[in-house]
Amino acid sequence: MSKKVMIVDDEADIRFTVGRMLEMNGYTVIKAVDGKDCIKKLSESPPDLVLLDIMMPEMSGWDVVAKIKENPSWNEIPIIFLTAKGDTMSIGMGGLASQDYIVKPFNIKDLKNRIEQVIGK
């Protein structure tokens, strides 16, 4: 059974590119366009990993992490931030709230390797 990864990003290009790479490597992909969509889809089909942008309209990645951590059904789901927010404070906070923190632009092969380190294949 393939591992399921949810990509949460308001940029369609990121959802498409990362989703395609994951599918080509045997993962099942769920795409969410923003934080609210993520929470809705978590209720329907919890993934093995969430790839999460921070800067999104209405509900930021930080807010999504808080919702995930407060729900006993979801709080064990690993999170990797995939974001353009590369300042020291965000990276530090992200390191506390997630399993990994990757700054855009990113190397797709590096992203694949880091996903595999967190959840395997």
N, C-alpha and C. Protein backbone atom coordinates (compact mmCIF):
# COMPACT_ATOMS: atom_id res chain seq x y z
N MET A 1 0.85 -1.19 0.00
CA MET A 1 0.00 0.00 0.00
C MET A 1 0.89 1.25 0.00
N SER A 2 0.59 2.17 -0.88
CA SER A 2 1.45 3.35 -1.00
C SER A 2 1.16 4.35 0.12
N LYS A 3 2.19 5.11 0.46
CA LYS A 3 2.06 6.17 1.46
C LYS A 3 1.30 7.34 0.85
N LYS A 4 0.52 8.02 1.69
CA LYS A 4 -0.32 9.12 1.24
C LYS A 4 0.26 10.44 1.74
N VAL A 5 0.49 11.38 0.81
CA VAL A 5 1.04 12.69 1.15
C VAL A 5 0.04 13.77 0.75
N MET A 6 -0.25 14.69 1.68
CA MET A 6 -1.09 15.83 1.37
C MET A 6 -0.20 17.04 1.12
N ILE A 7 -0.41 17.69 -0.03
CA ILE A 7 0.30 18.91 -0.38
C ILE A 7 -0.65 20.07 -0.14
N VAL A 8 -0.26 20.99 0.75
CA VAL A 8 -1.10 22.14 1.07
C VAL A 8 -0.35 23.40 0.64
N ASP A 9 -0.79 23.98 -0.48
CA ASP A 9 -0.11 25.16 -1.02
C ASP A 9 -1.09 25.91 -1.90
N ASP A 10 -1.10 27.25 -1.78
CA ASP A 10 -2.00 28.04 -2.60
C ASP A 10 -1.45 28.25 -4.01
N GLU A 11 -0.22 27.81 -4.28
CA GLU A 11 0.36 27.93 -5.61
C GLU A 11 0.12 26.64 -6.40
N ALA A 12 -0.64 26.74 -7.48
CA ALA A 12 -0.98 25.58 -8.31
C ALA A 12 0.28 24.91 -8.87
N ASP A 13 1.30 25.70 -9.24
CA ASP A 13 2.53 25.13 -9.79
C ASP A 13 3.21 24.19 -8.79
N ILE A 14 3.23 24.58 -7.53
CA ILE A 14 3.85 23.74 -6.50
C ILE A 14 3.04 22.46 -6.33
N ARG A 15 1.72 22.59 -6.22
CA ARG A 15 0.88 21.39 -6.07
C ARG A 15 1.09 20.44 -7.24
N PHE A 16 1.16 20.98 -8.46
CA PHE A 16 1.33 20.14 -9.64
C PHE A 16 2.71 19.48 -9.67
N THR A 17 3.77 20.28 -9.53
CA THR A 17 5.13 19.75 -9.66
C THR A 17 5.45 18.74 -8.57
N VAL A 18 5.18 19.10 -7.33
CA VAL A 18 5.48 18.19 -6.22
C VAL A 18 4.57 16.96 -6.30
N GLY A 19 3.30 17.18 -6.63
CA GLY A 19 2.38 16.06 -6.76
C GLY A 19 2.81 15.07 -7.82
N ARG A 20 3.24 15.58 -8.95
CA ARG A 20 3.70 14.71 -10.05
C ARG A 20 4.92 13.89 -9.63
N MET A 21 5.89 14.56 -8.98
CA MET A 21 7.09 13.86 -8.52
C MET A 21 6.72 12.74 -7.54
N LEU A 22 5.82 13.04 -6.61
CA LEU A 22 5.43 12.04 -5.62
C LEU A 22 4.71 10.86 -6.28
N GLU A 23 3.79 11.16 -7.19
CA GLU A 23 3.06 10.08 -7.89
C GLU A 23 4.03 9.21 -8.69
N MET A 24 5.02 9.83 -9.33
CA MET A 24 6.00 9.06 -10.11
C MET A 24 6.86 8.17 -9.21
N ASN A 25 6.90 8.50 -7.92
CA ASN A 25 7.67 7.71 -6.97
C ASN A 25 6.79 6.81 -6.10
N GLY A 26 5.55 6.59 -6.54
CA GLY A 26 4.69 5.61 -5.90
C GLY A 26 3.84 6.10 -4.74
N TYR A 27 3.82 7.40 -4.48
CA TYR A 27 3.00 7.93 -3.40
C TYR A 27 1.59 8.26 -3.92
N THR A 28 0.62 8.20 -3.03
CA THR A 28 -0.71 8.69 -3.31
C THR A 28 -0.73 10.15 -2.86
N VAL A 29 -1.31 11.02 -3.67
CA VAL A 29 -1.26 12.46 -3.39
C VAL A 29 -2.66 13.02 -3.19
N ILE A 30 -2.79 13.83 -2.14
CA ILE A 30 -3.99 14.61 -1.87
C ILE A 30 -3.55 16.06 -1.97
N LYS A 31 -4.30 16.89 -2.70
CA LYS A 31 -3.93 18.30 -2.85
C LYS A 31 -4.96 19.18 -2.16
N ALA A 32 -4.45 20.14 -1.39
CA ALA A 32 -5.32 21.11 -0.73
C ALA A 32 -4.85 22.51 -1.13
N VAL A 33 -5.80 23.38 -1.48
CA VAL A 33 -5.46 24.71 -2.01
C VAL A 33 -5.18 25.74 -0.91
N ASP A 34 -5.57 25.43 0.33
CA ASP A 34 -5.31 26.35 1.44
C ASP A 34 -5.53 25.60 2.76
N GLY A 35 -5.39 26.33 3.86
CA GLY A 35 -5.51 25.71 5.17
C GLY A 35 -6.88 25.13 5.46
N LYS A 36 -7.93 25.86 5.08
CA LYS A 36 -9.30 25.37 5.32
C LYS A 36 -9.55 24.09 4.54
N ASP A 37 -9.09 24.05 3.30
CA ASP A 37 -9.23 22.85 2.46
C ASP A 37 -8.46 21.69 3.10
N CYS A 38 -7.30 21.97 3.66
CA CYS A 38 -6.49 20.95 4.33
C CYS A 38 -7.26 20.32 5.49
N ILE A 39 -7.83 21.16 6.35
CA ILE A 39 -8.56 20.65 7.52
C ILE A 39 -9.74 19.80 7.07
N LYS A 40 -10.46 20.25 6.05
CA LYS A 40 -11.59 19.48 5.52
C LYS A 40 -11.12 18.11 5.01
N LYS A 41 -10.03 18.10 4.25
CA LYS A 41 -9.54 16.85 3.67
C LYS A 41 -8.91 15.93 4.71
N LEU A 42 -8.33 16.50 5.78
CA LEU A 42 -7.81 15.67 6.87
C LEU A 42 -8.94 14.85 7.49
N SER A 43 -10.12 15.46 7.61
CA SER A 43 -11.28 14.77 8.17
C SER A 43 -11.73 13.62 7.28
N GLU A 44 -11.58 13.80 5.97
CA GLU A 44 -12.04 12.79 5.01
C GLU A 44 -11.04 11.64 4.88
N SER A 45 -9.75 11.97 4.84
CA SER A 45 -8.75 10.95 4.55
C SER A 45 -7.38 11.37 5.08
N PRO A 46 -7.08 11.06 6.34
CA PRO A 46 -5.80 11.48 6.92
C PRO A 46 -4.61 10.88 6.16
N PRO A 47 -3.62 11.72 5.83
CA PRO A 47 -2.44 11.24 5.10
C PRO A 47 -1.36 10.72 6.05
N ASP A 48 -0.30 10.19 5.46
CA ASP A 48 0.86 9.75 6.22
C ASP A 48 1.82 10.92 6.48
N LEU A 49 1.66 12.01 5.70
CA LEU A 49 2.52 13.18 5.81
C LEU A 49 1.81 14.39 5.23
N VAL A 50 2.03 15.57 5.83
CA VAL A 50 1.52 16.81 5.28
C VAL A 50 2.70 17.69 4.87
N LEU A 51 2.74 18.09 3.59
CA LEU A 51 3.68 19.10 3.10
C LEU A 51 2.93 20.41 3.15
N LEU A 52 3.43 21.37 3.93
CA LEU A 52 2.62 22.53 4.28
C LEU A 52 3.33 23.85 4.01
N ASP A 53 2.68 24.70 3.24
CA ASP A 53 3.15 26.07 3.02
C ASP A 53 2.75 26.89 4.26
N ILE A 54 3.48 27.97 4.52
CA ILE A 54 3.13 28.83 5.65
C ILE A 54 2.27 30.00 5.22
N MET A 55 2.67 30.68 4.16
CA MET A 55 1.98 31.90 3.74
C MET A 55 0.85 31.57 2.76
N MET A 56 -0.37 31.48 3.33
CA MET A 56 -1.55 31.19 2.53
C MET A 56 -2.67 32.12 2.97
N PRO A 57 -3.63 32.40 2.08
CA PRO A 57 -4.74 33.28 2.47
C PRO A 57 -5.66 32.62 3.50
N GLU A 58 -6.30 33.43 4.30
CA GLU A 58 -7.28 33.04 5.31
C GLU A 58 -6.72 32.26 6.49
N MET A 59 -6.05 31.15 6.25
CA MET A 59 -5.51 30.33 7.34
C MET A 59 -4.06 30.00 7.02
N SER A 60 -3.14 30.51 7.82
CA SER A 60 -1.71 30.29 7.57
C SER A 60 -1.31 28.86 7.92
N GLY A 61 -0.14 28.49 7.49
CA GLY A 61 0.41 27.18 7.85
C GLY A 61 0.56 27.01 9.36
N TRP A 62 0.90 28.12 10.04
CA TRP A 62 1.01 28.06 11.51
C TRP A 62 -0.33 27.68 12.12
N ASP A 63 -1.42 28.27 11.61
CA ASP A 63 -2.77 27.96 12.12
C ASP A 63 -3.14 26.51 11.83
N VAL A 64 -2.75 26.02 10.65
CA VAL A 64 -3.03 24.63 10.29
C VAL A 64 -2.31 23.68 11.25
N VAL A 65 -1.04 23.96 11.54
CA VAL A 65 -0.28 23.12 12.48
C VAL A 65 -0.97 23.09 13.84
N ALA A 66 -1.43 24.24 14.31
CA ALA A 66 -2.12 24.29 15.61
C ALA A 66 -3.36 23.39 15.60
N LYS A 67 -4.14 23.45 14.52
CA LYS A 67 -5.34 22.60 14.40
C LYS A 67 -4.97 21.12 14.37
N ILE A 68 -3.92 20.79 13.62
CA ILE A 68 -3.49 19.39 13.53
C ILE A 68 -3.03 18.89 14.90
N LYS A 69 -2.23 19.69 15.60
CA LYS A 69 -1.67 19.27 16.89
C LYS A 69 -2.74 19.14 17.98
N GLU A 70 -3.84 19.91 17.87
CA GLU A 70 -4.86 19.84 18.92
C GLU A 70 -5.87 18.72 18.69
N ASN A 71 -5.82 18.07 17.53
CA ASN A 71 -6.76 16.99 17.23
C ASN A 71 -6.08 15.65 17.49
N PRO A 72 -6.56 14.87 18.45
CA PRO A 72 -5.92 13.58 18.77
C PRO A 72 -5.84 12.60 17.59
N SER A 73 -6.74 12.73 16.62
CA SER A 73 -6.72 11.84 15.45
C SER A 73 -5.62 12.22 14.47
N TRP A 74 -5.14 13.45 14.55
CA TRP A 74 -4.17 13.95 13.57
C TRP A 74 -2.81 14.29 14.14
N ASN A 75 -2.70 14.43 15.46
CA ASN A 75 -1.48 15.03 16.02
C ASN A 75 -0.21 14.20 15.84
N GLU A 76 -0.34 12.98 15.38
CA GLU A 76 0.85 12.16 15.09
C GLU A 76 1.27 12.23 13.61
N ILE A 77 0.49 12.92 12.79
CA ILE A 77 0.82 13.04 11.36
C ILE A 77 2.05 13.93 11.23
N PRO A 78 3.12 13.43 10.61
CA PRO A 78 4.31 14.26 10.42
C PRO A 78 4.04 15.41 9.44
N ILE A 79 4.71 16.53 9.70
CA ILE A 79 4.56 17.73 8.88
C ILE A 79 5.94 18.16 8.39
N ILE A 80 6.00 18.49 7.11
CA ILE A 80 7.20 19.13 6.56
C ILE A 80 6.74 20.48 6.00
N PHE A 81 7.32 21.55 6.53
CA PHE A 81 7.03 22.86 5.95
C PHE A 81 7.77 22.98 4.63
N LEU A 82 7.08 23.49 3.61
CA LEU A 82 7.65 23.75 2.29
C LEU A 82 7.21 25.18 1.97
N THR A 83 8.12 26.14 2.21
CA THR A 83 7.70 27.54 2.24
C THR A 83 8.77 28.49 1.74
N ALA A 84 8.34 29.66 1.33
CA ALA A 84 9.28 30.71 0.93
C ALA A 84 9.80 31.49 2.14
N LYS A 85 9.23 31.24 3.31
CA LYS A 85 9.63 31.95 4.52
C LYS A 85 10.95 31.40 5.03
N GLY A 86 12.04 32.11 4.70
CA GLY A 86 13.38 31.62 5.04
C GLY A 86 14.07 32.40 6.14
N ASP A 87 13.31 33.23 6.89
CA ASP A 87 13.95 33.99 7.97
C ASP A 87 14.26 33.08 9.16
N THR A 88 15.23 33.48 9.95
CA THR A 88 15.73 32.66 11.05
C THR A 88 14.64 32.30 12.05
N MET A 89 13.77 33.25 12.40
CA MET A 89 12.74 32.96 13.38
C MET A 89 11.75 31.92 12.85
N SER A 90 11.33 32.04 11.59
CA SER A 90 10.39 31.07 11.01
C SER A 90 11.01 29.68 10.95
N ILE A 91 12.27 29.62 10.54
CA ILE A 91 12.96 28.33 10.46
C ILE A 91 13.06 27.70 11.86
N GLY A 92 13.37 28.52 12.85
CA GLY A 92 13.47 28.01 14.22
C GLY A 92 12.14 27.51 14.74
N MET A 93 11.08 28.31 14.55
CA MET A 93 9.75 27.90 15.00
C MET A 93 9.27 26.68 14.21
N GLY A 94 9.55 26.69 12.91
CA GLY A 94 9.15 25.56 12.06
C GLY A 94 9.82 24.27 12.48
N GLY A 95 11.06 24.38 12.91
CA GLY A 95 11.79 23.19 13.39
C GLY A 95 11.17 22.60 14.63
N LEU A 96 10.54 23.44 15.44
CA LEU A 96 9.87 22.96 16.66
C LEU A 96 8.51 22.34 16.34
N ALA A 97 7.86 22.85 15.31
CA ALA A 97 6.48 22.45 15.01
C ALA A 97 6.38 21.35 13.95
N SER A 98 7.51 20.99 13.33
CA SER A 98 7.45 20.03 12.22
C SER A 98 8.65 19.09 12.24
N GLN A 99 8.60 18.09 11.36
CA GLN A 99 9.70 17.14 11.24
C GLN A 99 10.82 17.68 10.35
N ASP A 100 10.50 18.64 9.47
CA ASP A 100 11.51 19.21 8.58
C ASP A 100 10.99 20.56 8.09
N TYR A 101 11.91 21.37 7.58
CA TYR A 101 11.58 22.72 7.12
C TYR A 101 12.39 22.96 5.86
N ILE A 102 11.72 23.10 4.73
CA ILE A 102 12.38 23.26 3.43
C ILE A 102 11.98 24.62 2.86
N VAL A 103 12.98 25.41 2.47
CA VAL A 103 12.74 26.75 1.95
C VAL A 103 12.69 26.71 0.42
N LYS A 104 11.66 27.38 -0.14
CA LYS A 104 11.54 27.54 -1.59
C LYS A 104 12.52 28.61 -2.04
N PRO A 105 13.08 28.53 -3.21
CA PRO A 105 12.99 27.40 -4.14
C PRO A 105 13.76 26.20 -3.59
N PHE A 106 13.30 25.03 -3.94
CA PHE A 106 13.87 23.80 -3.41
C PHE A 106 14.30 22.90 -4.56
N ASN A 107 15.14 21.94 -4.23
CA ASN A 107 15.57 20.93 -5.18
C ASN A 107 14.61 19.74 -5.04
N ILE A 108 13.98 19.35 -6.14
CA ILE A 108 12.95 18.31 -6.10
C ILE A 108 13.50 16.96 -5.62
N LYS A 109 14.74 16.66 -5.98
CA LYS A 109 15.36 15.40 -5.54
C LYS A 109 15.61 15.45 -4.03
N ASP A 110 16.05 16.60 -3.53
CA ASP A 110 16.26 16.78 -2.10
C ASP A 110 14.94 16.63 -1.35
N LEU A 111 13.88 17.22 -1.90
CA LEU A 111 12.55 17.11 -1.28
C LEU A 111 12.14 15.65 -1.18
N LYS A 112 12.30 14.90 -2.26
CA LYS A 112 11.96 13.47 -2.27
C LYS A 112 12.73 12.72 -1.18
N ASN A 113 14.03 12.98 -1.10
CA ASN A 113 14.86 12.31 -0.09
C ASN A 113 14.42 12.66 1.34
N ARG A 114 14.07 13.90 1.55
CA ARG A 114 13.67 14.32 2.89
C ARG A 114 12.30 13.75 3.27
N ILE A 115 11.40 13.62 2.30
CA ILE A 115 10.11 12.97 2.55
C ILE A 115 10.36 11.51 2.95
N GLU A 116 11.22 10.84 2.19
CA GLU A 116 11.53 9.44 2.49
C GLU A 116 12.18 9.28 3.86
N GLN A 117 12.97 10.26 4.29
CA GLN A 117 13.57 10.19 5.63
C GLN A 117 12.49 10.26 6.71
N VAL A 118 11.43 11.01 6.45
CA VAL A 118 10.39 11.20 7.46
C VAL A 118 9.41 10.03 7.47
N ILE A 119 8.95 9.57 6.29
CA ILE A 119 7.90 8.53 6.28
C ILE A 119 8.27 7.25 5.53
N GLY A 120 9.46 7.21 4.94
CA GLY A 120 9.79 6.03 4.15
C GLY A 120 9.08 6.06 2.82
N LYS A 121 9.06 4.93 2.17
CA LYS A 121 8.45 4.88 0.83
C LYS A 121 7.34 3.87 0.75
